[in-house]
Structures are given as structure tokens and as C-alpha cells.
């Protein structure tokens, strides 16, 4: 499964490195994290990581394969 997770603001390199398994790009005041998610546990772990780092998730969606 491939997912896109949009978070509010521009992530610093340090914060972006917390999501080393994903690629990222900054667009329109948001940072878009995207890449392959192996299972639901991985997805929930990423969301928990966002929460623990104080990031506001604006949108999350599964991308077509």
C-alpha cells in the first residue's frame, strides 16, 4: 500500500528524518510525506509518531498502486 500523509507546516530536516522510510516534499504550507506502508500497524505507528512530535495531520489517503 502507498500512502500520502499531509502535515501542517514545513518540517525541518531533523523532523523529516524521523520519517526516514518515507519521502517528503513541501507544498503550499504543508509537508507531504509519501511512500510504501507495509501494513496497518506501520500506518498507525506513523500517525502516533506525528502525534508525539506535535504535528497536525491535515489529510491522509491511500494512493493507487
PDB file of N, CA and C in Angstrom:
ATOM      1  N   UNK A   1       0.844  -1.176   0.000  1.00  0.00           N
ATOM      2  CA  UNK A   1       0.000   0.000   0.000  1.00  0.00           C
ATOM      3  C   UNK A   1       0.891   1.241   0.000  1.00  0.00           C
ATOM      4  N   UNK A   2       0.504   2.222  -0.774  1.00  0.00           N
ATOM      5  CA  UNK A   2       1.191   3.502  -0.794  1.00  0.00           C
ATOM      6  C   UNK A   2       0.255   4.555  -0.209  1.00  0.00           C
ATOM      7  N   UNK A   3       0.805   5.387   0.670  1.00  0.00           N
ATOM      8  CA  UNK A   3       0.016   6.414   1.334  1.00  0.00           C
ATOM      9  C   UNK A   3       0.668   7.773   1.189  1.00  0.00           C
ATOM     10  N   UNK A   4      -0.170   8.788   1.354  1.00  0.00           N
ATOM     11  CA  UNK A   4       0.271  10.170   1.410  1.00  0.00           C
ATOM     12  C   UNK A   4      -0.282  10.745   2.702  1.00  0.00           C
ATOM     13  N   UNK A   5       0.594  11.351   3.491  1.00  0.00           N
ATOM     14  CA  UNK A   5       0.185  11.978   4.744  1.00  0.00           C
ATOM     15  C   UNK A   5       0.606  13.436   4.670  1.00  0.00           C
ATOM     16  N   UNK A   6      -0.358  14.338   4.752  1.00  0.00           N
ATOM     17  CA  UNK A   6      -0.065  15.776   4.696  1.00  0.00           C
ATOM     18  C   UNK A   6      -0.102  16.334   6.115  1.00  0.00           C
ATOM     19  N   UNK A   7       0.969  17.038   6.480  1.00  0.00           N
ATOM     20  CA  UNK A   7       1.024  17.673   7.789  1.00  0.00           C
ATOM     21  C   UNK A   7       1.171  19.178   7.603  1.00  0.00           C
ATOM     22  N   UNK A   8       0.665  19.912   8.572  1.00  0.00           N
ATOM     23  CA  UNK A   8       0.694  21.362   8.514  1.00  0.00           C
ATOM     24  C   UNK A   8       2.121  21.871   8.699  1.00  0.00           C
ATOM     25  N   UNK A   9       2.505  22.826   7.886  1.00  0.00           N
ATOM     26  CA  UNK A   9       3.793  23.482   8.028  1.00  0.00           C
ATOM     27  C   UNK A   9       4.925  22.797   7.279  1.00  0.00           C
ATOM     28  N   UNK A  10       6.092  23.393   7.410  1.00  0.00           N
ATOM     29  CA  UNK A  10       7.300  22.887   6.765  1.00  0.00           C
ATOM     30  C   UNK A  10       8.119  22.144   7.804  1.00  0.00           C
ATOM     31  N   UNK A  11       8.393  20.872   7.575  1.00  0.00           N
ATOM     32  CA  UNK A  11       9.195  20.097   8.513  1.00  0.00           C
ATOM     33  C   UNK A  11      10.670  20.442   8.343  1.00  0.00           C
ATOM     34  N   UNK A  12      11.355  20.567   9.461  1.00  0.00           N
ATOM     35  CA  UNK A  12      12.808  20.733   9.408  1.00  0.00           C
ATOM     36  C   UNK A  12      13.411  19.404   8.963  1.00  0.00           C
ATOM     37  N   UNK A  13      14.675  19.424   8.589  1.00  0.00           N
ATOM     38  CA  UNK A  13      15.348  18.173   8.192  1.00  0.00           C
ATOM     39  C   UNK A  13      15.347  17.182   9.352  1.00  0.00           C
ATOM     40  N   UNK A  14      15.505  17.684  10.573  1.00  0.00           N
ATOM     41  CA  UNK A  14      15.504  16.810  11.758  1.00  0.00           C
ATOM     42  C   UNK A  14      14.169  16.091  11.890  1.00  0.00           C
ATOM     43  N   UNK A  15      13.064  16.831  11.758  1.00  0.00           N
ATOM     44  CA  UNK A  15      11.743  16.196  11.843  1.00  0.00           C
ATOM     45  C   UNK A  15      11.503  15.269  10.656  1.00  0.00           C
ATOM     46  N   UNK A  16      11.906  15.683   9.474  1.00  0.00           N
ATOM     47  CA  UNK A  16      11.728  14.841   8.288  1.00  0.00           C
ATOM     48  C   UNK A  16      12.496  13.524   8.455  1.00  0.00           C
ATOM     49  N   UNK A  17      13.657  13.577   9.106  1.00  0.00           N
ATOM     50  CA  UNK A  17      14.439  12.357   9.330  1.00  0.00           C
ATOM     51  C   UNK A  17      13.756  11.385  10.269  1.00  0.00           C
ATOM     52  N   UNK A  18      12.789  11.857  11.047  1.00  0.00           N
ATOM     53  CA  UNK A  18      12.015  10.973  11.919  1.00  0.00           C
ATOM     54  C   UNK A  18      11.126  10.044  11.086  1.00  0.00           C
ATOM     55  N   UNK A  19      10.956  10.373   9.806  1.00  0.00           N
ATOM     56  CA  UNK A  19      10.147   9.579   8.886  1.00  0.00           C
ATOM     57  C   UNK A  19      11.037   9.098   7.738  1.00  0.00           C
ATOM     58  N   UNK A  20      12.170   8.517   8.094  1.00  0.00           N
ATOM     59  CA  UNK A  20      13.178   8.141   7.092  1.00  0.00           C
ATOM     60  C   UNK A  20      12.670   7.132   6.064  1.00  0.00           C
ATOM     61  N   UNK A  21      11.629   6.360   6.415  1.00  0.00           N
ATOM     62  CA  UNK A  21      11.109   5.375   5.472  1.00  0.00           C
ATOM     63  C   UNK A  21      10.209   6.008   4.407  1.00  0.00           C
ATOM     64  N   UNK A  22       9.899   7.300   4.566  1.00  0.00           N
ATOM     65  CA  UNK A  22       9.042   8.000   3.615  1.00  0.00           C
ATOM     66  C   UNK A  22       9.817   9.115   2.930  1.00  0.00           C
ATOM     67  N   UNK A  23       9.377   9.456   1.733  1.00  0.00           N
ATOM     68  CA  UNK A  23       9.903  10.629   1.052  1.00  0.00           C
ATOM     69  C   UNK A  23       9.040  11.814   1.471  1.00  0.00           C
ATOM     70  N   UNK A  24       9.531  13.013   1.252  1.00  0.00           N
ATOM     71  CA  UNK A  24       8.728  14.186   1.595  1.00  0.00           C
ATOM     72  C   UNK A  24       8.981  15.320   0.618  1.00  0.00           C
ATOM     73  N   UNK A  25       7.976  16.174   0.509  1.00  0.00           N
ATOM     74  CA  UNK A  25       8.056  17.366  -0.325  1.00  0.00           C
ATOM     75  C   UNK A  25       7.210  18.441   0.361  1.00  0.00           C
ATOM     76  N   UNK A  26       7.644  19.696   0.243  1.00  0.00           N
ATOM     77  CA  UNK A  26       6.906  20.815   0.825  1.00  0.00           C
ATOM     78  C   UNK A  26       6.083  21.472  -0.269  1.00  0.00           C
ATOM     79  N   UNK A  27       4.792  21.661   0.026  1.00  0.00           N
ATOM     80  CA  UNK A  27       3.867  22.262  -0.945  1.00  0.00           C
ATOM     81  C   UNK A  27       2.848  23.118  -0.216  1.00  0.00           C
ATOM     82  N   UNK A  28       2.687  24.348  -0.619  1.00  0.00           N
ATOM     83  CA  UNK A  28       1.608  25.226  -0.133  1.00  0.00           C
ATOM     84  C   UNK A  28       1.472  25.231   1.390  1.00  0.00           C
ATOM     85  N   UNK A  29       2.565  25.403   2.097  1.00  0.00           N
ATOM     86  CA  UNK A  29       2.494  25.484   3.548  1.00  0.00           C
ATOM     87  C   UNK A  29       2.293  24.159   4.253  1.00  0.00           C
ATOM     88  N   UNK A  30       2.407  23.065   3.522  1.00  0.00           N
ATOM     89  CA  UNK A  30       2.269  21.729   4.100  1.00  0.00           C
ATOM     90  C   UNK A  30       3.463  20.886   3.695  1.00  0.00           C
ATOM     91  N   UNK A  31       3.730  19.874   4.492  1.00  0.00           N
ATOM     92  CA  UNK A  31       4.723  18.880   4.108  1.00  0.00           C
ATOM     93  C   UNK A  31       3.972  17.606   3.763  1.00  0.00           C
ATOM     94  N   UNK A  32       4.265  17.050   2.611  1.00  0.00           N
ATOM     95  CA  UNK A  32       3.625  15.814   2.156  1.00  0.00           C
ATOM     96  C   UNK A  32       4.624  14.679   2.336  1.00  0.00           C
ATOM     97  N   UNK A  33       4.275  13.733   3.202  1.00  0.00           N
ATOM     98  CA  UNK A  33       5.062  12.510   3.401  1.00  0.00           C
ATOM     99  C   UNK A  33       4.411  11.433   2.557  1.00  0.00           C
ATOM    100  N   UNK A  34       5.198  10.678   1.813  1.00  0.00           N
ATOM    101  CA  UNK A  34       4.580   9.651   0.970  1.00  0.00           C
ATOM    102  C   UNK A  34       5.524   8.475   0.808  1.00  0.00           C
ATOM    103  N   UNK A  35       4.905   7.322   0.583  1.00  0.00           N
ATOM    104  CA  UNK A  35       5.691   6.127   0.367  1.00  0.00           C
ATOM    105  C   UNK A  35       4.916   4.865   0.685  1.00  0.00           C
ATOM    106  N   UNK A  36       5.639   3.766   0.677  1.00  0.00           N
ATOM    107  CA  UNK A  36       5.040   2.452   0.909  1.00  0.00           C
ATOM    108  C   UNK A  36       4.852   2.214   2.403  1.00  0.00           C
ATOM    109  N   UNK A  37       3.642   1.793   2.754  1.00  0.00           N
ATOM    110  CA  UNK A  37       3.290   1.418   4.125  1.00  0.00           C
ATOM    111  C   UNK A  37       3.028  -0.085   4.089  1.00  0.00           C
ATOM    112  N   UNK A  38       3.724  -0.843   4.923  1.00  0.00           N
ATOM    113  CA  UNK A  38       3.656  -2.298   4.807  1.00  0.00           C
ATOM    114  C   UNK A  38       2.366  -2.896   5.357  1.00  0.00           C
ATOM    115  N   UNK A  39       1.805  -2.292   6.410  1.00  0.00           N
ATOM    116  CA  UNK A  39       0.562  -2.822   6.980  1.00  0.00           C
ATOM    117  C   UNK A  39      -0.078  -1.758   7.875  1.00  0.00           C
ATOM    118  N   UNK A  40      -1.231  -2.107   8.456  1.00  0.00           N
ATOM    119  CA  UNK A  40      -1.946  -1.143   9.295  1.00  0.00           C
ATOM    120  C   UNK A  40      -1.141  -0.747  10.524  1.00  0.00           C
ATOM    121  N   UNK A  41      -0.395  -1.673  11.102  1.00  0.00           N
ATOM    122  CA  UNK A  41       0.426  -1.359  12.275  1.00  0.00           C
ATOM    123  C   UNK A  41       1.457  -0.286  11.933  1.00  0.00           C
ATOM    124  N   UNK A  42       2.049  -0.377  10.756  1.00  0.00           N
ATOM    125  CA  UNK A  42       3.016   0.623  10.305  1.00  0.00           C
ATOM    126  C   UNK A  42       2.331   1.982  10.154  1.00  0.00           C
ATOM    127  N   UNK A  43       1.142   1.988   9.559  1.00  0.00           N
ATOM    128  CA  UNK A  43       0.390   3.218   9.364  1.00  0.00           C
ATOM    129  C   UNK A  43       0.056   3.869  10.706  1.00  0.00           C
ATOM    130  N   UNK A  44      -0.474   3.076  11.644  1.00  0.00           N
ATOM    131  CA  UNK A  44      -0.818   3.624  12.965  1.00  0.00           C
ATOM    132  C   UNK A  44       0.429   4.092  13.702  1.00  0.00           C
ATOM    133  N   UNK A  45       1.534   3.434  13.502  1.00  0.00           N
ATOM    134  CA  UNK A  45       2.795   3.860  14.099  1.00  0.00           C
ATOM    135  C   UNK A  45       3.240   5.213  13.565  1.00  0.00           C
ATOM    136  N   UNK A  46       3.081   5.422  12.261  1.00  0.00           N
ATOM    137  CA  UNK A  46       3.420   6.715  11.668  1.00  0.00           C
ATOM    138  C   UNK A  46       2.533   7.828  12.218  1.00  0.00           C
ATOM    139  N   UNK A  47       1.242   7.541  12.347  1.00  0.00           N
ATOM    140  CA  UNK A  47       0.322   8.543  12.888  1.00  0.00           C
ATOM    141  C   UNK A  47       0.649   8.849  14.347  1.00  0.00           C
ATOM    142  N   UNK A  48       1.008   7.825  15.108  1.00  0.00           N
ATOM    143  CA  UNK A  48       1.407   8.033  16.504  1.00  0.00           C
ATOM    144  C   UNK A  48       2.687   8.874  16.570  1.00  0.00           C
ATOM    145  N   UNK A  49       3.606   8.635  15.642  1.00  0.00           N
ATOM    146  CA  UNK A  49       4.841   9.419  15.585  1.00  0.00           C
ATOM    147  C   UNK A  49       4.525  10.884  15.292  1.00  0.00           C
ATOM    148  N   UNK A  50       3.598  11.127  14.373  1.00  0.00           N
ATOM    149  CA  UNK A  50       3.166  12.505  14.083  1.00  0.00           C
ATOM    150  C   UNK A  50       2.633  13.162  15.351  1.00  0.00           C
ATOM    151  N   UNK A  51       1.784  12.448  16.061  1.00  0.00           N
ATOM    152  CA  UNK A  51       1.190  12.986  17.281  1.00  0.00           C
ATOM    153  C   UNK A  51       2.255  13.279  18.335  1.00  0.00           C
ATOM    154  N   UNK A  52       3.174  12.350  18.526  1.00  0.00           N
ATOM    155  CA  UNK A  52       4.190  12.541  19.562  1.00  0.00           C
ATOM    156  C   UNK A  52       5.144  13.688  19.229  1.00  0.00           C
ATOM    157  N   UNK A  53       5.295  14.016  17.942  1.00  0.00           N
ATOM    158  CA  UNK A  53       6.144  15.128  17.529  1.00  0.00           C
ATOM    159  C   UNK A  53       5.375  16.445  17.448  1.00  0.00           C
ATOM    160  N   UNK A  54       4.078  16.404  17.771  1.00  0.00           N
ATOM    161  CA  UNK A  54       3.259  17.618  17.768  1.00  0.00           C
ATOM    162  C   UNK A  54       2.866  18.092  16.390  1.00  0.00           C
ATOM    163  N   UNK A  55       2.848  17.179  15.419  1.00  0.00           N
ATOM    164  CA  UNK A  55       2.483  17.544  14.046  1.00  0.00           C
ATOM    165  C   UNK A  55       0.976  17.417  13.859  1.00  0.00           C
ATOM    166  N   UNK A  56       0.402  18.340  13.130  1.00  0.00           N
ATOM    167  CA  UNK A  56      -1.035  18.297  12.836  1.00  0.00           C
ATOM    168  C   UNK A  56      -1.232  17.660  11.465  1.00  0.00           C
ATOM    169  N   UNK A  57      -1.857  16.487  11.449  1.00  0.00           N
ATOM    170  CA  UNK A  57      -2.150  15.798  10.189  1.00  0.00           C
ATOM    171  C   UNK A  57      -3.372  16.464   9.560  1.00  0.00           C
ATOM    172  N   UNK A  58      -3.196  16.955   8.352  1.00  0.00           N
ATOM    173  CA  UNK A  58      -4.262  17.656   7.639  1.00  0.00           C
ATOM    174  C   UNK A  58      -5.068  16.673   6.781  1.00  0.00           C
ATOM    175  N   UNK A  59      -4.354  15.721   6.181  1.00  0.00           N
ATOM    176  CA  UNK A  59      -5.011  14.754   5.291  1.00  0.00           C
ATOM    177  C   UNK A  59      -4.155  13.498   5.193  1.00  0.00           C
ATOM    178  N   UNK A  60      -4.842  12.390   5.056  1.00  0.00           N
ATOM    179  CA  UNK A  60      -4.144  11.114   4.837  1.00  0.00           C
ATOM    180  C   UNK A  60      -4.968  10.347   3.804  1.00  0.00           C
ATOM    181  N   UNK A  61      -4.284   9.782   2.833  1.00  0.00           N
ATOM    182  CA  UNK A  61      -5.036   8.998   1.840  1.00  0.00           C
ATOM    183  C   UNK A  61      -4.173   7.904   1.240  1.00  0.00           C
ATOM    184  N   UNK A  62      -4.859   6.841   0.854  1.00  0.00           N
ATOM    185  CA  UNK A  62      -4.183   5.744   0.179  1.00  0.00           C
ATOM    186  C   UNK A  62      -4.071   6.104  -1.297  1.00  0.00           C
ATOM    187  N   UNK A  63      -2.899   5.892  -1.866  1.00  0.00           N
ATOM    188  CA  UNK A  63      -2.663   6.186  -3.275  1.00  0.00           C
ATOM    189  C   UNK A  63      -2.883   4.932  -4.106  1.00  0.00           C
ATOM    190  N   UNK A  64      -3.291   5.098  -5.360  1.00  0.00           N
ATOM    191  CA  UNK A  64      -3.470   3.931  -6.218  1.00  0.00           C
ATOM    192  C   UNK A  64      -2.127   3.233  -6.442  1.00  0.00           C
ATOM    193  N   UNK A  65      -2.171   1.937  -6.569  1.00  0.00           N
ATOM    194  CA  UNK A  65      -0.941   1.131  -6.779  1.00  0.00           C
ATOM    195  C   UNK A  65      -0.421   1.316  -8.188  1.00  0.00           C
TER     196      UNK A  65
END
